[in-house]
Amino acid sequence: MDINDFRGLLTAVAMFSFLGLCVWAWSKKRKAEFDASAQLPLEDDEPLDTHSRENA
């Protein structure tokens, strides 16, 4: 086994890992979870109450 065999094996592992990640990300089971996560930056935060802060 020389370095070219190792490079080929590493390329195949990287390709299958990438394809697995794509299948996972685009699966219909994950759509609801990803849609909820996409809305997080748009949700309102609770306003800060600056009048009740104690001066130290």
N, C-alpha and C. Protein backbone atom coordinates (compact mmCIF):
# COMPACT_ATOMS: atom_id res chain seq x y z
N MET A 1 0.85 -1.17 0.00
CA MET A 1 0.00 0.00 0.00
C MET A 1 0.90 1.24 0.00
N ASP A 2 0.79 2.02 -1.04
CA ASP A 2 1.60 3.23 -1.11
C ASP A 2 0.73 4.45 -0.80
N ILE A 3 1.30 5.62 -0.92
CA ILE A 3 0.63 6.86 -0.55
C ILE A 3 -0.58 7.14 -1.44
N ASN A 4 -0.54 6.72 -2.69
CA ASN A 4 -1.66 6.96 -3.59
C ASN A 4 -2.89 6.14 -3.20
N ASP A 5 -2.68 4.92 -2.70
CA ASP A 5 -3.80 4.13 -2.21
C ASP A 5 -4.43 4.81 -0.99
N PHE A 6 -3.60 5.32 -0.12
CA PHE A 6 -4.10 6.02 1.06
C PHE A 6 -4.87 7.27 0.67
N ARG A 7 -4.38 8.02 -0.29
CA ARG A 7 -5.08 9.21 -0.76
C ARG A 7 -6.43 8.85 -1.38
N GLY A 8 -6.46 7.78 -2.16
CA GLY A 8 -7.72 7.34 -2.76
C GLY A 8 -8.73 6.92 -1.70
N LEU A 9 -8.26 6.19 -0.71
CA LEU A 9 -9.13 5.76 0.38
C LEU A 9 -9.65 6.96 1.17
N LEU A 10 -8.79 7.90 1.45
CA LEU A 10 -9.19 9.11 2.18
C LEU A 10 -10.20 9.92 1.37
N THR A 11 -10.01 10.01 0.07
CA THR A 11 -10.96 10.72 -0.79
C THR A 11 -12.32 10.04 -0.78
N ALA A 12 -12.34 8.71 -0.84
CA ALA A 12 -13.60 7.97 -0.81
C ALA A 12 -14.32 8.15 0.52
N VAL A 13 -13.59 8.12 1.63
CA VAL A 13 -14.18 8.32 2.94
C VAL A 13 -14.76 9.73 3.05
N ALA A 14 -14.03 10.73 2.57
CA ALA A 14 -14.52 12.11 2.61
C ALA A 14 -15.76 12.27 1.74
N MET A 15 -15.79 11.65 0.58
CA MET A 15 -16.94 11.76 -0.32
C MET A 15 -18.18 11.12 0.31
N PHE A 16 -18.02 9.93 0.89
CA PHE A 16 -19.17 9.27 1.50
C PHE A 16 -19.63 10.01 2.76
N SER A 17 -18.72 10.61 3.48
CA SER A 17 -19.10 11.42 4.64
C SER A 17 -19.89 12.65 4.20
N PHE A 18 -19.45 13.30 3.15
CA PHE A 18 -20.15 14.46 2.62
C PHE A 18 -21.54 14.08 2.12
N LEU A 19 -21.65 12.99 1.40
CA LEU A 19 -22.95 12.56 0.90
C LEU A 19 -23.89 12.18 2.06
N GLY A 20 -23.35 11.54 3.09
CA GLY A 20 -24.15 11.21 4.26
C GLY A 20 -24.65 12.45 4.96
N LEU A 21 -23.81 13.46 5.07
CA LEU A 21 -24.22 14.71 5.69
C LEU A 21 -25.31 15.40 4.87
N CYS A 22 -25.18 15.37 3.56
CA CYS A 22 -26.22 15.96 2.69
C CYS A 22 -27.54 15.24 2.84
N VAL A 23 -27.51 13.92 2.88
CA VAL A 23 -28.75 13.14 3.05
C VAL A 23 -29.38 13.46 4.40
N TRP A 24 -28.57 13.55 5.45
CA TRP A 24 -29.07 13.87 6.78
C TRP A 24 -29.71 15.27 6.80
N ALA A 25 -29.04 16.25 6.21
CA ALA A 25 -29.51 17.63 6.25
C ALA A 25 -30.78 17.83 5.43
N TRP A 26 -30.93 17.10 4.36
CA TRP A 26 -32.08 17.28 3.49
C TRP A 26 -33.20 16.27 3.76
N SER A 27 -33.08 15.46 4.81
CA SER A 27 -34.13 14.48 5.08
C SER A 27 -35.40 15.18 5.57
N LYS A 28 -36.53 14.61 5.25
CA LYS A 28 -37.81 15.22 5.63
C LYS A 28 -38.04 15.15 7.13
N LYS A 29 -37.41 14.22 7.82
CA LYS A 29 -37.56 14.13 9.28
C LYS A 29 -36.98 15.35 9.97
N ARG A 30 -35.98 15.96 9.40
CA ARG A 30 -35.28 17.09 10.01
C ARG A 30 -35.88 18.44 9.66
N LYS A 31 -36.81 18.50 8.71
CA LYS A 31 -37.33 19.77 8.22
C LYS A 31 -37.95 20.60 9.33
N ALA A 32 -38.78 20.01 10.17
CA ALA A 32 -39.43 20.77 11.24
C ALA A 32 -38.41 21.33 12.22
N GLU A 33 -37.42 20.52 12.57
CA GLU A 33 -36.39 20.98 13.50
C GLU A 33 -35.57 22.12 12.91
N PHE A 34 -35.20 22.02 11.63
CA PHE A 34 -34.42 23.07 11.00
C PHE A 34 -35.25 24.34 10.80
N ASP A 35 -36.54 24.20 10.49
CA ASP A 35 -37.40 25.37 10.36
C ASP A 35 -37.54 26.10 11.69
N ALA A 36 -37.67 25.36 12.78
CA ALA A 36 -37.75 25.99 14.09
C ALA A 36 -36.44 26.68 14.44
N SER A 37 -35.33 26.07 14.12
CA SER A 37 -34.03 26.69 14.39
C SER A 37 -33.82 27.95 13.54
N ALA A 38 -34.35 27.96 12.34
CA ALA A 38 -34.20 29.12 11.47
C ALA A 38 -34.98 30.32 12.00
N GLN A 39 -36.02 30.08 12.77
CA GLN A 39 -36.84 31.17 13.30
C GLN A 39 -36.29 31.75 14.60
N LEU A 40 -35.32 31.11 15.23
CA LEU A 40 -34.79 31.57 16.51
C LEU A 40 -34.28 33.02 16.48
N PRO A 41 -33.55 33.45 15.47
CA PRO A 41 -33.08 34.85 15.48
C PRO A 41 -34.22 35.87 15.36
N LEU A 42 -35.37 35.45 14.89
CA LEU A 42 -36.48 36.37 14.68
C LEU A 42 -37.42 36.47 15.88
N GLU A 43 -37.26 35.59 16.84
CA GLU A 43 -38.13 35.62 18.01
C GLU A 43 -37.76 36.81 18.89
N ASP A 44 -38.78 37.36 19.56
CA ASP A 44 -38.55 38.49 20.44
C ASP A 44 -37.90 38.03 21.73
N ASP A 45 -36.94 38.80 22.18
CA ASP A 45 -36.33 38.55 23.47
C ASP A 45 -37.09 39.33 24.53
N GLU A 46 -36.94 38.92 25.77
CA GLU A 46 -37.55 39.68 26.84
C GLU A 46 -36.79 40.99 26.99
N PRO A 47 -37.52 42.10 27.14
CA PRO A 47 -36.81 43.39 27.28
C PRO A 47 -36.05 43.46 28.60
N LEU A 48 -34.94 44.15 28.58
CA LEU A 48 -34.16 44.33 29.79
C LEU A 48 -34.81 45.40 30.65
N ASP A 49 -34.89 45.16 31.93
CA ASP A 49 -35.46 46.12 32.86
C ASP A 49 -34.32 46.93 33.46
N THR A 50 -34.07 48.10 32.90
CA THR A 50 -32.91 48.90 33.33
C THR A 50 -33.19 49.68 34.60
N HIS A 51 -34.47 49.86 34.98
CA HIS A 51 -34.79 50.65 36.16
C HIS A 51 -34.60 49.86 37.45
N SER A 52 -34.67 48.56 37.41
CA SER A 52 -34.55 47.78 38.64
C SER A 52 -33.11 47.35 38.93
N ARG A 53 -32.20 47.79 38.11
CA ARG A 53 -30.80 47.42 38.29
C ARG A 53 -30.21 48.20 39.49
N GLU A 54 -29.52 47.48 40.35
CA GLU A 54 -28.93 48.14 41.51
C GLU A 54 -27.60 48.78 41.12
N ASN A 55 -27.34 49.94 41.69
CA ASN A 55 -26.05 50.59 41.47
C ASN A 55 -25.06 50.09 42.49
N ALA A 56 -23.98 49.55 42.03
CA ALA A 56 -22.98 48.99 42.95
C ALA A 56 -21.77 49.87 43.02
